[in-house]
Structures are given as C-alpha cells and as structure tokens.
Amino acid sequence: MVFNKILVACFIFIFTTLLISQVTANPYTIPAPKIAIVDIQSILRDSLSSKEARKKMDAIALQEQSLIASEENKLRKEDQELQQQRSILAPDVYLQRQQKLQKEIRKLQKRSRNLNQVLDKSFRRTINKIQIVLLDELRKLTQELNINMILPRSQIVIAVDDFEITDLALQRLNKRLPSIDLKLEKNVNNKNKSK
C-alpha cells in the first residue's frame, strides 16, 4: 500500500516535471494580449470626410428632388387638363394622350428610383473609401502603440476606457482625409456630371 502511494507520487512528480519542461521549452510562446477598442460606427458618422459626403449627397438629392417635384406638378396639371377635355376629345385622341401621359409618369418614377440608387451606391462607395483609410490608420496605430488586437465597440459588453482609441483614430482619419470627392456613377439628370 505504501509502495503504491510512493509509486503514484513519483509518477505525478515525473509527469508534472515533464509537462513543465515541455511548456517552458516551447519556443512559440503566445504574446501577452494588448487590446484596444474602437467605435467604427461613430468614426464613420463623425469624421470630416463622411460629414462632407453626406452634405454633398443631401444637396444633390434636394436639387434633383425639386426638379422631379416640378415635373410631377407639370404632369399633374396636364392630367387635369386632359380630364377636363375628355368630353370634347375623340376617344382615340383621349386614349393616345392618356397613354403618353402615363408613359411620362413612369419615366419620372424611374428617374426618381434611379436617382436614389445612384446616390446610395455613390455614398456606399465613398464610405468604403473612408473605411480603407481608417483601417490603414488603425494598422499604423497598432504598430505605434504595440497593440496586437483591436476590437469593435459594437462587440464589447463592458470595458474600461483605457482600451478606447476611437478619438485617436478619428483625429488621425480627419488629419489624413479631411475631405473626399463624391463621384456619381452616372449622370443623375443627364446634365449633372460627377460631383
């Protein structure tokens, strides 16, 4: 019995000694984590370049929507006039004018949809360019601050502010990219070139 206890104790001692020597002899040690947290959404919302892009988008949208609204009013008046003339027009003439008016209305609706698609696509492309610059600045910050992991704020439940580098990243992005060109993929109104 005593011999078994001594044998088990020796086995445990040898096993732990071998295990410790294996762990300390491993040349591939894992570095201590140095983590930072960044709020990418707030940076994309608050950066100078994204604010400028939003402002340009809003101006283009407002201008184009006012043109579309005036054409819509014109078509509405034409429709009212056509309805008033219905009793004095020949049925085939009325039908022809009605079809022409409906075609113009569909064209205007398509133009409005295309405007929204072009603006959305252009804004997404602009935000992607801003993100590329932001990620490059974050990569530089990891080297400068000896950080080996950056986590997005949206994935963190609780963290101390010591890990937060959002303001620093925002400052760096604003310095490197204070403004950005907003390029529309195609002419919105056949007269507005890329802005």
N, C-alpha and C. Protein backbone atom coordinates (compact mmCIF):
# COMPACT_ATOMS: atom_id res chain seq x y z
N MET A 1 0.80 -1.18 0.00
CA MET A 1 0.00 0.00 0.00
C MET A 1 0.85 1.26 0.00
N VAL A 2 1.82 1.30 0.90
CA VAL A 2 2.72 2.45 0.98
C VAL A 2 3.54 2.54 -0.31
N PHE A 3 3.92 1.37 -0.82
CA PHE A 3 4.68 1.35 -2.06
C PHE A 3 3.86 1.93 -3.21
N ASN A 4 2.57 1.62 -3.27
CA ASN A 4 1.69 2.16 -4.32
C ASN A 4 1.58 3.68 -4.22
N LYS A 5 1.48 4.19 -2.99
CA LYS A 5 1.40 5.64 -2.80
C LYS A 5 2.68 6.32 -3.25
N ILE A 6 3.81 5.70 -2.94
CA ILE A 6 5.10 6.27 -3.35
C ILE A 6 5.21 6.22 -4.88
N LEU A 7 4.76 5.14 -5.48
CA LEU A 7 4.81 4.99 -6.93
C LEU A 7 3.92 6.03 -7.62
N VAL A 8 2.72 6.26 -7.10
CA VAL A 8 1.82 7.26 -7.66
C VAL A 8 2.41 8.65 -7.50
N ALA A 9 2.99 8.95 -6.34
CA ALA A 9 3.60 10.26 -6.10
C ALA A 9 4.76 10.48 -7.06
N CYS A 10 5.59 9.46 -7.27
CA CYS A 10 6.71 9.58 -8.22
C CYS A 10 6.20 9.79 -9.64
N PHE A 11 5.16 9.06 -10.00
CA PHE A 11 4.58 9.21 -11.33
C PHE A 11 4.05 10.63 -11.54
N ILE A 12 3.34 11.16 -10.57
CA ILE A 12 2.81 12.53 -10.66
C ILE A 12 3.95 13.53 -10.75
N PHE A 13 5.00 13.34 -9.96
CA PHE A 13 6.15 14.24 -9.97
C PHE A 13 6.82 14.23 -11.34
N ILE A 14 7.05 13.04 -11.88
CA ILE A 14 7.72 12.93 -13.18
C ILE A 14 6.84 13.53 -14.29
N PHE A 15 5.54 13.26 -14.23
CA PHE A 15 4.62 13.78 -15.24
C PHE A 15 4.57 15.31 -15.22
N THR A 16 4.46 15.91 -14.04
CA THR A 16 4.42 17.37 -13.96
C THR A 16 5.75 17.99 -14.35
N THR A 17 6.84 17.34 -14.00
CA THR A 17 8.16 17.84 -14.39
C THR A 17 8.30 17.84 -15.91
N LEU A 18 7.89 16.75 -16.53
CA LEU A 18 7.95 16.68 -18.00
C LEU A 18 7.02 17.72 -18.64
N LEU A 19 5.85 17.88 -18.07
CA LEU A 19 4.90 18.85 -18.60
C LEU A 19 5.44 20.27 -18.49
N ILE A 20 6.01 20.62 -17.36
CA ILE A 20 6.58 21.95 -17.17
C ILE A 20 7.75 22.17 -18.11
N SER A 21 8.58 21.18 -18.28
CA SER A 21 9.73 21.34 -19.18
C SER A 21 9.27 21.49 -20.62
N GLN A 22 8.19 20.81 -20.99
CA GLN A 22 7.63 20.95 -22.34
C GLN A 22 7.11 22.36 -22.57
N VAL A 23 6.42 22.89 -21.58
CA VAL A 23 5.84 24.23 -21.71
C VAL A 23 6.93 25.28 -21.78
N THR A 24 7.93 25.19 -20.93
CA THR A 24 8.99 26.20 -20.92
C THR A 24 9.94 26.04 -22.11
N ALA A 25 10.03 24.86 -22.67
CA ALA A 25 10.92 24.64 -23.81
C ALA A 25 10.27 25.06 -25.13
N ASN A 26 8.99 25.34 -25.15
CA ASN A 26 8.28 25.71 -26.37
C ASN A 26 8.72 27.10 -26.83
N PRO A 27 9.35 27.19 -28.01
CA PRO A 27 9.80 28.50 -28.49
C PRO A 27 8.65 29.36 -29.01
N TYR A 28 7.49 28.79 -29.22
CA TYR A 28 6.35 29.52 -29.75
C TYR A 28 5.42 29.95 -28.62
N THR A 29 5.86 30.93 -27.90
CA THR A 29 5.02 31.41 -26.81
C THR A 29 4.04 32.43 -27.34
N ILE A 30 2.91 32.48 -26.74
CA ILE A 30 1.87 33.41 -27.13
C ILE A 30 2.14 34.75 -26.46
N PRO A 31 2.17 35.84 -27.24
CA PRO A 31 2.42 37.14 -26.62
C PRO A 31 1.25 37.54 -25.73
N ALA A 32 1.57 38.35 -24.76
CA ALA A 32 0.52 38.87 -23.88
C ALA A 32 -0.41 39.75 -24.70
N PRO A 33 -1.70 39.58 -24.55
CA PRO A 33 -2.62 40.39 -25.35
C PRO A 33 -2.58 41.86 -24.95
N LYS A 34 -2.50 42.70 -25.97
CA LYS A 34 -2.60 44.14 -25.76
C LYS A 34 -3.75 44.59 -26.65
N ILE A 35 -4.87 44.86 -26.03
CA ILE A 35 -6.13 45.06 -26.74
C ILE A 35 -6.52 46.53 -26.74
N ALA A 36 -7.12 46.95 -27.85
CA ALA A 36 -7.71 48.29 -27.95
C ALA A 36 -9.13 48.13 -28.49
N ILE A 37 -9.94 49.13 -28.20
CA ILE A 37 -11.33 49.13 -28.66
C ILE A 37 -11.56 50.38 -29.49
N VAL A 38 -12.27 50.22 -30.60
CA VAL A 38 -12.56 51.37 -31.46
C VAL A 38 -14.04 51.30 -31.88
N ASP A 39 -14.68 52.45 -31.86
CA ASP A 39 -16.09 52.56 -32.27
C ASP A 39 -16.12 53.02 -33.73
N ILE A 40 -16.11 52.06 -34.62
CA ILE A 40 -16.03 52.35 -36.05
C ILE A 40 -17.25 53.13 -36.53
N GLN A 41 -18.42 52.77 -36.02
CA GLN A 41 -19.65 53.45 -36.45
C GLN A 41 -19.61 54.94 -36.12
N SER A 42 -19.15 55.27 -34.93
CA SER A 42 -19.10 56.70 -34.57
C SER A 42 -18.04 57.43 -35.38
N ILE A 43 -16.94 56.76 -35.69
CA ILE A 43 -15.91 57.40 -36.52
C ILE A 43 -16.47 57.68 -37.91
N LEU A 44 -17.16 56.70 -38.48
CA LEU A 44 -17.73 56.90 -39.82
C LEU A 44 -18.83 57.95 -39.80
N ARG A 45 -19.49 58.11 -38.69
CA ARG A 45 -20.54 59.13 -38.57
C ARG A 45 -19.94 60.51 -38.35
N ASP A 46 -18.87 60.61 -37.54
CA ASP A 46 -18.35 61.90 -37.09
C ASP A 46 -17.14 62.41 -37.87
N SER A 47 -16.58 61.61 -38.76
CA SER A 47 -15.39 62.07 -39.47
C SER A 47 -15.75 63.22 -40.42
N LEU A 48 -14.78 64.09 -40.64
CA LEU A 48 -14.99 65.25 -41.52
C LEU A 48 -15.37 64.81 -42.93
N SER A 49 -14.70 63.78 -43.43
CA SER A 49 -14.96 63.35 -44.80
C SER A 49 -16.35 62.75 -44.96
N SER A 50 -16.82 61.99 -43.97
CA SER A 50 -18.16 61.41 -44.11
C SER A 50 -19.23 62.49 -43.94
N LYS A 51 -18.99 63.47 -43.07
CA LYS A 51 -19.94 64.58 -42.94
C LYS A 51 -20.03 65.37 -44.24
N GLU A 52 -18.88 65.61 -44.86
CA GLU A 52 -18.87 66.33 -46.13
C GLU A 52 -19.58 65.53 -47.22
N ALA A 53 -19.34 64.22 -47.26
CA ALA A 53 -20.00 63.39 -48.26
C ALA A 53 -21.52 63.41 -48.06
N ARG A 54 -21.96 63.31 -46.81
CA ARG A 54 -23.40 63.37 -46.52
C ARG A 54 -24.00 64.71 -46.95
N LYS A 55 -23.26 65.78 -46.68
CA LYS A 55 -23.73 67.12 -47.04
C LYS A 55 -23.87 67.26 -48.56
N LYS A 56 -22.88 66.77 -49.30
CA LYS A 56 -22.94 66.82 -50.77
C LYS A 56 -24.09 65.96 -51.29
N MET A 57 -24.27 64.78 -50.70
CA MET A 57 -25.36 63.89 -51.12
C MET A 57 -26.71 64.56 -50.90
N ASP A 58 -26.86 65.18 -49.74
CA ASP A 58 -28.13 65.85 -49.43
C ASP A 58 -28.40 66.99 -50.40
N ALA A 59 -27.35 67.75 -50.75
CA ALA A 59 -27.53 68.87 -51.68
C ALA A 59 -27.94 68.36 -53.07
N ILE A 60 -27.28 67.31 -53.54
CA ILE A 60 -27.63 66.75 -54.85
C ILE A 60 -29.05 66.20 -54.82
N ALA A 61 -29.38 65.47 -53.76
CA ALA A 61 -30.72 64.88 -53.65
C ALA A 61 -31.79 65.96 -53.60
N LEU A 62 -31.54 67.02 -52.85
CA LEU A 62 -32.51 68.11 -52.73
C LEU A 62 -32.74 68.79 -54.08
N GLN A 63 -31.64 69.06 -54.78
CA GLN A 63 -31.74 69.70 -56.09
C GLN A 63 -32.52 68.82 -57.07
N GLU A 64 -32.16 67.55 -57.12
CA GLU A 64 -32.82 66.65 -58.06
C GLU A 64 -34.28 66.40 -57.68
N GLN A 65 -34.55 66.28 -56.39
CA GLN A 65 -35.94 66.05 -55.96
C GLN A 65 -36.81 67.26 -56.26
N SER A 66 -36.25 68.46 -56.18
CA SER A 66 -37.05 69.65 -56.52
C SER A 66 -37.36 69.67 -58.02
N LEU A 67 -36.40 69.26 -58.85
CA LEU A 67 -36.66 69.17 -60.29
C LEU A 67 -37.73 68.12 -60.58
N ILE A 68 -37.63 66.99 -59.91
CA ILE A 68 -38.61 65.93 -60.11
C ILE A 68 -39.99 66.38 -59.64
N ALA A 69 -40.04 67.10 -58.51
CA ALA A 69 -41.32 67.59 -57.99
C ALA A 69 -41.96 68.58 -58.95
N SER A 70 -41.15 69.46 -59.56
CA SER A 70 -41.73 70.42 -60.51
C SER A 70 -42.26 69.71 -61.76
N GLU A 71 -41.54 68.69 -62.22
CA GLU A 71 -42.03 67.91 -63.37
C GLU A 71 -43.29 67.13 -63.00
N GLU A 72 -43.33 66.66 -61.77
CA GLU A 72 -44.52 65.94 -61.28
C GLU A 72 -45.74 66.86 -61.27
N ASN A 73 -45.54 68.10 -60.81
CA ASN A 73 -46.63 69.08 -60.82
C ASN A 73 -47.09 69.38 -62.24
N LYS A 74 -46.14 69.49 -63.14
CA LYS A 74 -46.48 69.75 -64.55
C LYS A 74 -47.32 68.61 -65.12
N LEU A 75 -46.92 67.38 -64.81
CA LEU A 75 -47.68 66.22 -65.30
C LEU A 75 -49.06 66.15 -64.66
N ARG A 76 -49.15 66.52 -63.40
CA ARG A 76 -50.45 66.54 -62.72
C ARG A 76 -51.40 67.55 -63.38
N LYS A 77 -50.86 68.73 -63.73
CA LYS A 77 -51.67 69.75 -64.42
C LYS A 77 -52.12 69.25 -65.79
N GLU A 78 -51.20 68.59 -66.50
CA GLU A 78 -51.55 68.04 -67.81
C GLU A 78 -52.66 67.01 -67.68
N ASP A 79 -52.59 66.20 -66.62
CA ASP A 79 -53.62 65.19 -66.39
C ASP A 79 -54.97 65.85 -66.11
N GLN A 80 -54.96 66.92 -65.30
CA GLN A 80 -56.21 67.63 -65.01
C GLN A 80 -56.80 68.25 -66.27
N GLU A 81 -55.94 68.85 -67.09
CA GLU A 81 -56.41 69.44 -68.35
C GLU A 81 -56.99 68.37 -69.27
N LEU A 82 -56.31 67.23 -69.30
CA LEU A 82 -56.79 66.13 -70.14
C LEU A 82 -58.15 65.64 -69.66
N GLN A 83 -58.33 65.55 -68.35
CA GLN A 83 -59.62 65.12 -67.80
C GLN A 83 -60.73 66.12 -68.14
N GLN A 84 -60.38 67.41 -68.14
CA GLN A 84 -61.36 68.44 -68.49
C GLN A 84 -61.74 68.38 -69.97
N GLN A 85 -60.77 68.00 -70.80
CA GLN A 85 -61.01 67.94 -72.25
C GLN A 85 -61.59 66.59 -72.69
N ARG A 86 -61.77 65.69 -71.79
CA ARG A 86 -62.20 64.34 -72.14
C ARG A 86 -63.51 64.33 -72.92
N SER A 87 -64.43 65.17 -72.52
CA SER A 87 -65.75 65.17 -73.18
C SER A 87 -65.70 65.75 -74.60
N ILE A 88 -64.72 66.60 -74.88
CA ILE A 88 -64.67 67.22 -76.22
C ILE A 88 -63.68 66.52 -77.15
N LEU A 89 -62.85 65.63 -76.61
CA LEU A 89 -61.87 64.92 -77.44
C LEU A 89 -62.47 63.61 -77.96
N ALA A 90 -62.01 63.24 -79.14
CA ALA A 90 -62.39 61.94 -79.68
C ALA A 90 -61.78 60.85 -78.78
N PRO A 91 -62.47 59.73 -78.60
CA PRO A 91 -61.97 58.68 -77.70
C PRO A 91 -60.55 58.21 -78.02
N ASP A 92 -60.24 58.05 -79.31
CA ASP A 92 -58.89 57.59 -79.66
C ASP A 92 -57.83 58.65 -79.36
N VAL A 93 -58.15 59.92 -79.54
CA VAL A 93 -57.22 61.01 -79.22
C VAL A 93 -57.00 61.07 -77.71
N TYR A 94 -58.11 60.95 -76.97
CA TYR A 94 -58.01 60.96 -75.50
C TYR A 94 -57.14 59.80 -75.02
N LEU A 95 -57.37 58.62 -75.56
CA LEU A 95 -56.61 57.43 -75.16
C LEU A 95 -55.13 57.59 -75.49
N GLN A 96 -54.86 58.15 -76.66
CA GLN A 96 -53.47 58.37 -77.07
C GLN A 96 -52.76 59.34 -76.11
N ARG A 97 -53.43 60.44 -75.78
CA ARG A 97 -52.84 61.42 -74.85
C ARG A 97 -52.69 60.83 -73.45
N GLN A 98 -53.66 60.03 -73.04
CA GLN A 98 -53.60 59.40 -71.72
C GLN A 98 -52.41 58.45 -71.64
N GLN A 99 -52.20 57.67 -72.69
CA GLN A 99 -51.07 56.74 -72.73
C GLN A 99 -49.74 57.48 -72.72
N LYS A 100 -49.69 58.58 -73.46
CA LYS A 100 -48.46 59.39 -73.49
C LYS A 100 -48.17 59.96 -72.10
N LEU A 101 -49.20 60.42 -71.43
CA LEU A 101 -49.05 60.97 -70.08
C LEU A 101 -48.60 59.89 -69.10
N GLN A 102 -49.18 58.71 -69.19
CA GLN A 102 -48.79 57.60 -68.31
C GLN A 102 -47.33 57.20 -68.55
N LYS A 103 -46.92 57.25 -69.81
CA LYS A 103 -45.53 56.94 -70.15
C LYS A 103 -44.59 57.95 -69.49
N GLU A 104 -44.96 59.22 -69.55
CA GLU A 104 -44.15 60.28 -68.92
C GLU A 104 -44.09 60.10 -67.39
N ILE A 105 -45.20 59.70 -66.80
CA ILE A 105 -45.24 59.47 -65.35
C ILE A 105 -44.32 58.31 -64.98
N ARG A 106 -44.36 57.22 -65.74
CA ARG A 106 -43.48 56.07 -65.47
C ARG A 106 -42.01 56.46 -65.63
N LYS A 107 -41.72 57.28 -66.64
CA LYS A 107 -40.34 57.75 -66.85
C LYS A 107 -39.86 58.56 -65.64
N LEU A 108 -40.73 59.40 -65.13
CA LEU A 108 -40.37 60.23 -63.97
C LEU A 108 -40.17 59.37 -62.73
N GLN A 109 -41.02 58.37 -62.54
CA GLN A 109 -40.87 57.46 -61.40
C GLN A 109 -39.56 56.68 -61.50
N LYS A 110 -39.24 56.24 -62.71
CA LYS A 110 -37.99 55.51 -62.93
C LYS A 110 -36.79 56.41 -62.64
N ARG A 111 -36.89 57.65 -63.08
CA ARG A 111 -35.81 58.61 -62.83
C ARG A 111 -35.60 58.82 -61.33
N SER A 112 -36.69 58.90 -60.59
CA SER A 112 -36.60 59.08 -59.15
C SER A 112 -35.95 57.86 -58.49
N ARG A 113 -36.35 56.66 -58.92
CA ARG A 113 -35.73 55.43 -58.38
C ARG A 113 -34.24 55.38 -58.72
N ASN A 114 -33.91 55.70 -59.97
CA ASN A 114 -32.51 55.69 -60.39
C ASN A 114 -31.68 56.69 -59.59
N LEU A 115 -32.25 57.85 -59.33
CA LEU A 115 -31.56 58.86 -58.53
C LEU A 115 -31.21 58.29 -57.16
N ASN A 116 -32.19 57.67 -56.51
CA ASN A 116 -31.94 57.10 -55.19
C ASN A 116 -30.88 56.00 -55.24
N GLN A 117 -30.93 55.16 -56.27
CA GLN A 117 -29.95 54.08 -56.40
C GLN A 117 -28.55 54.63 -56.62
N VAL A 118 -28.44 55.63 -57.50
CA VAL A 118 -27.13 56.22 -57.80
C VAL A 118 -26.56 56.89 -56.55
N LEU A 119 -27.38 57.63 -55.84
CA LEU A 119 -26.91 58.31 -54.62
C LEU A 119 -26.51 57.30 -53.55
N ASP A 120 -27.31 56.26 -53.36
CA ASP A 120 -26.98 55.23 -52.37
C ASP A 120 -25.67 54.53 -52.71
N LYS A 121 -25.54 54.16 -53.97
CA LYS A 121 -24.33 53.45 -54.40
C LYS A 121 -23.09 54.35 -54.26
N SER A 122 -23.23 55.60 -54.64
CA SER A 122 -22.11 56.54 -54.53
C SER A 122 -21.72 56.75 -53.08
N PHE A 123 -22.71 56.86 -52.20
CA PHE A 123 -22.43 57.08 -50.78
C PHE A 123 -21.75 55.84 -50.19
N ARG A 124 -22.23 54.65 -50.53
CA ARG A 124 -21.58 53.42 -50.03
C ARG A 124 -20.14 53.33 -50.51
N ARG A 125 -19.90 53.67 -51.77
CA ARG A 125 -18.54 53.63 -52.31
C ARG A 125 -17.65 54.63 -51.58
N THR A 126 -18.19 55.81 -51.27
CA THR A 126 -17.43 56.83 -50.55
C THR A 126 -17.11 56.36 -49.13
N ILE A 127 -18.09 55.77 -48.45
CA ILE A 127 -17.87 55.25 -47.10
C ILE A 127 -16.84 54.12 -47.13
N ASN A 128 -16.86 53.29 -48.16
CA ASN A 128 -15.85 52.23 -48.29
C ASN A 128 -14.45 52.81 -48.41
N LYS A 129 -14.31 53.91 -49.17
CA LYS A 129 -13.00 54.56 -49.29
C LYS A 129 -12.55 55.09 -47.93
N ILE A 130 -13.48 55.68 -47.18
CA ILE A 130 -13.15 56.19 -45.85
C ILE A 130 -12.73 55.04 -44.94
N GLN A 131 -13.43 53.91 -45.02
CA GLN A 131 -13.09 52.75 -44.20
C GLN A 131 -11.70 52.22 -44.51
N ILE A 132 -11.33 52.24 -45.77
CA ILE A 132 -9.99 51.77 -46.16
C ILE A 132 -8.92 52.63 -45.50
N VAL A 133 -9.11 53.95 -45.55
CA VAL A 133 -8.15 54.86 -44.91
C VAL A 133 -8.16 54.66 -43.40
N LEU A 134 -9.34 54.49 -42.81
CA LEU A 134 -9.44 54.26 -41.37
C LEU A 134 -8.71 52.99 -40.97
N LEU A 135 -8.91 51.91 -41.70
CA LEU A 135 -8.23 50.66 -41.37
C LEU A 135 -6.72 50.79 -41.50
N ASP A 136 -6.26 51.56 -42.47
CA ASP A 136 -4.83 51.79 -42.60
C ASP A 136 -4.30 52.56 -41.39
N GLU A 137 -5.05 53.56 -40.94
CA GLU A 137 -4.64 54.32 -39.75
C GLU A 137 -4.67 53.44 -38.50
N LEU A 138 -5.64 52.56 -38.40
CA LEU A 138 -5.70 51.64 -37.26
C LEU A 138 -4.51 50.68 -37.28
N ARG A 139 -4.13 50.23 -38.46
CA ARG A 139 -2.95 49.36 -38.58
C ARG A 139 -1.70 50.09 -38.09
N LYS A 140 -1.57 51.36 -38.48
CA LYS A 140 -0.42 52.15 -38.02
C LYS A 140 -0.45 52.33 -36.51
N LEU A 141 -1.64 52.54 -35.96
CA LEU A 141 -1.76 52.70 -34.50
C LEU A 141 -1.37 51.43 -33.77
N THR A 142 -1.66 50.27 -34.34
CA THR A 142 -1.27 49.02 -33.68
C THR A 142 0.24 48.93 -33.56
N GLN A 143 0.94 49.39 -34.57
CA GLN A 143 2.40 49.37 -34.52
C GLN A 143 2.94 50.41 -33.54
N GLU A 144 2.38 51.61 -33.59
CA GLU A 144 2.87 52.68 -32.72
C GLU A 144 2.59 52.42 -31.25
N LEU A 145 1.44 51.84 -30.95
CA LEU A 145 1.04 51.62 -29.56
C LEU A 145 1.30 50.19 -29.09
N ASN A 146 1.96 49.39 -29.93
CA ASN A 146 2.24 47.99 -29.63
C ASN A 146 0.97 47.22 -29.26
N ILE A 147 -0.06 47.43 -30.02
CA ILE A 147 -1.33 46.74 -29.82
C ILE A 147 -1.34 45.52 -30.74
N ASN A 148 -1.82 44.39 -30.22
CA ASN A 148 -1.88 43.22 -31.09
C ASN A 148 -3.32 42.79 -31.41
N MET A 149 -4.30 43.57 -30.93
CA MET A 149 -5.69 43.25 -31.25
C MET A 149 -6.56 44.50 -31.07
N ILE A 150 -7.38 44.79 -32.09
CA ILE A 150 -8.36 45.87 -31.99
C ILE A 150 -9.73 45.25 -32.16
N LEU A 151 -10.60 45.54 -31.21
CA LEU A 151 -11.96 45.01 -31.26
C LEU A 151 -12.95 46.14 -31.51
N PRO A 152 -14.00 45.87 -32.28
CA PRO A 152 -15.01 46.91 -32.50
C PRO A 152 -15.86 47.12 -31.24
N ARG A 153 -16.21 48.35 -30.95
CA ARG A 153 -17.01 48.69 -29.77
C ARG A 153 -18.34 47.94 -29.78
N SER A 154 -18.90 47.70 -30.95
CA SER A 154 -20.20 47.04 -31.04
C SER A 154 -20.17 45.60 -30.53
N GLN A 155 -18.99 45.01 -30.43
CA GLN A 155 -18.86 43.63 -29.96
C GLN A 155 -18.49 43.52 -28.48
N ILE A 156 -18.32 44.66 -27.82
CA ILE A 156 -17.88 44.68 -26.43
C ILE A 156 -19.06 44.98 -25.51
N VAL A 157 -19.18 44.21 -24.45
CA VAL A 157 -20.24 44.46 -23.47
C VAL A 157 -19.76 45.45 -22.42
N ILE A 158 -18.63 45.15 -21.80
CA ILE A 158 -18.07 46.01 -20.76
C ILE A 158 -16.57 46.14 -21.00
N ALA A 159 -16.07 47.35 -20.87
CA ALA A 159 -14.63 47.59 -20.99
C ALA A 159 -14.30 48.91 -20.31
N VAL A 160 -13.07 49.00 -19.82
CA VAL A 160 -12.63 50.26 -19.23
C VAL A 160 -12.17 51.18 -20.36
N ASP A 161 -12.22 52.47 -20.09
CA ASP A 161 -11.88 53.45 -21.12
C ASP A 161 -10.41 53.44 -21.51
N ASP A 162 -9.57 52.80 -20.72
CA ASP A 162 -8.14 52.74 -21.05
C ASP A 162 -7.88 52.03 -22.37
N PHE A 163 -8.79 51.17 -22.76
CA PHE A 163 -8.63 50.42 -24.01
C PHE A 163 -9.12 51.21 -25.23
N GLU A 164 -9.85 52.27 -25.02
CA GLU A 164 -10.54 53.01 -26.09
C GLU A 164 -9.56 53.88 -26.89
N ILE A 165 -9.54 53.69 -28.22
CA ILE A 165 -8.69 54.52 -29.09
C ILE A 165 -9.52 55.20 -30.18
N THR A 166 -10.83 55.29 -29.98
CA THR A 166 -11.72 55.86 -31.00
C THR A 166 -11.36 57.31 -31.32
N ASP A 167 -11.17 58.13 -30.28
CA ASP A 167 -10.86 59.54 -30.51
C ASP A 167 -9.54 59.72 -31.25
N LEU A 168 -8.56 58.93 -30.87
CA LEU A 168 -7.26 58.99 -31.54
C LEU A 168 -7.39 58.58 -33.01
N ALA A 169 -8.13 57.52 -33.27
CA ALA A 169 -8.33 57.07 -34.65
C ALA A 169 -9.10 58.12 -35.46
N LEU A 170 -10.09 58.75 -34.84
CA LEU A 170 -10.87 59.80 -35.52
C LEU A 170 -9.98 60.99 -35.86
N GLN A 171 -9.13 61.40 -34.94
CA GLN A 171 -8.21 62.52 -35.20
C GLN A 171 -7.28 62.19 -36.36
N ARG A 172 -6.76 60.97 -36.36
CA ARG A 172 -5.84 60.56 -37.42
C ARG A 172 -6.55 60.52 -38.78
N LEU A 173 -7.78 60.01 -38.79
CA LEU A 173 -8.54 59.95 -40.04
C LEU A 173 -8.85 61.36 -40.54
N ASN A 174 -9.26 62.26 -39.65
CA ASN A 174 -9.58 63.63 -40.05
C ASN A 174 -8.34 64.35 -40.58
N LYS A 175 -7.19 64.05 -40.00
CA LYS A 175 -5.95 64.69 -40.46
C LYS A 175 -5.57 64.17 -41.85
N ARG A 176 -5.70 62.88 -42.04
CA ARG A 176 -5.29 62.27 -43.31
C ARG A 176 -6.33 62.48 -44.42
N LEU A 177 -7.62 62.50 -44.06
CA LEU A 177 -8.67 62.58 -45.06
C LEU A 177 -9.73 63.59 -44.61
N PRO A 178 -9.39 64.90 -44.67
CA PRO A 178 -10.35 65.91 -44.21
C PRO A 178 -11.54 66.08 -45.15
N SER A 179 -11.36 65.71 -46.41
CA SER A 179 -12.47 65.80 -47.37
C SER A 179 -12.32 64.66 -48.36
N ILE A 180 -13.41 64.42 -49.08
CA ILE A 180 -13.40 63.33 -50.05
C ILE A 180 -14.29 63.71 -51.22
N ASP A 181 -13.90 63.29 -52.41
CA ASP A 181 -14.71 63.55 -53.60
C ASP A 181 -15.86 62.56 -53.64
N LEU A 182 -17.01 63.07 -53.96
CA LEU A 182 -18.20 62.24 -54.11
C LEU A 182 -18.42 62.07 -55.60
N LYS A 183 -18.17 60.88 -56.10
CA LYS A 183 -18.30 60.64 -57.53
C LYS A 183 -19.57 59.85 -57.79
N LEU A 184 -20.42 60.43 -58.63
CA LEU A 184 -21.63 59.72 -59.02
C LEU A 184 -21.30 58.79 -60.16
N GLU A 185 -21.89 57.61 -60.14
CA GLU A 185 -21.58 56.59 -61.14
C GLU A 185 -22.00 57.01 -62.54
N LYS A 186 -23.14 57.67 -62.63
CA LYS A 186 -23.62 58.13 -63.93
C LYS A 186 -24.34 59.44 -63.74
N ASN A 187 -24.65 60.11 -64.83
CA ASN A 187 -25.36 61.39 -64.73
C ASN A 187 -26.74 61.15 -64.13
N VAL A 188 -27.06 61.94 -63.13
CA VAL A 188 -28.35 61.80 -62.47
C VAL A 188 -29.45 62.40 -63.33
N ASN A 189 -29.17 63.56 -63.89
CA ASN A 189 -30.22 64.28 -64.62
C ASN A 189 -29.78 64.55 -66.06
N ASN A 190 -28.84 63.78 -66.55
CA ASN A 190 -28.28 63.98 -67.88
C ASN A 190 -27.61 65.33 -68.05
N LYS A 191 -27.51 66.10 -67.00
CA LYS A 191 -26.77 67.36 -67.09
C LYS A 191 -25.82 67.51 -65.92
N ASN A 192 -26.02 66.76 -64.84
CA ASN A 192 -25.11 66.82 -63.70
C ASN A 192 -24.00 65.82 -63.91
N LYS A 193 -22.82 66.32 -64.08
CA LYS A 193 -21.67 65.43 -64.22
C LYS A 193 -21.24 64.99 -62.84
N SER A 194 -20.22 64.15 -62.76
CA SER A 194 -19.74 63.68 -61.45
C SER A 194 -19.35 64.85 -60.59
N LYS A 195 -19.80 64.75 -59.34
CA LYS A 195 -19.51 65.85 -58.40
C LYS A 195 -18.59 65.35 -57.34
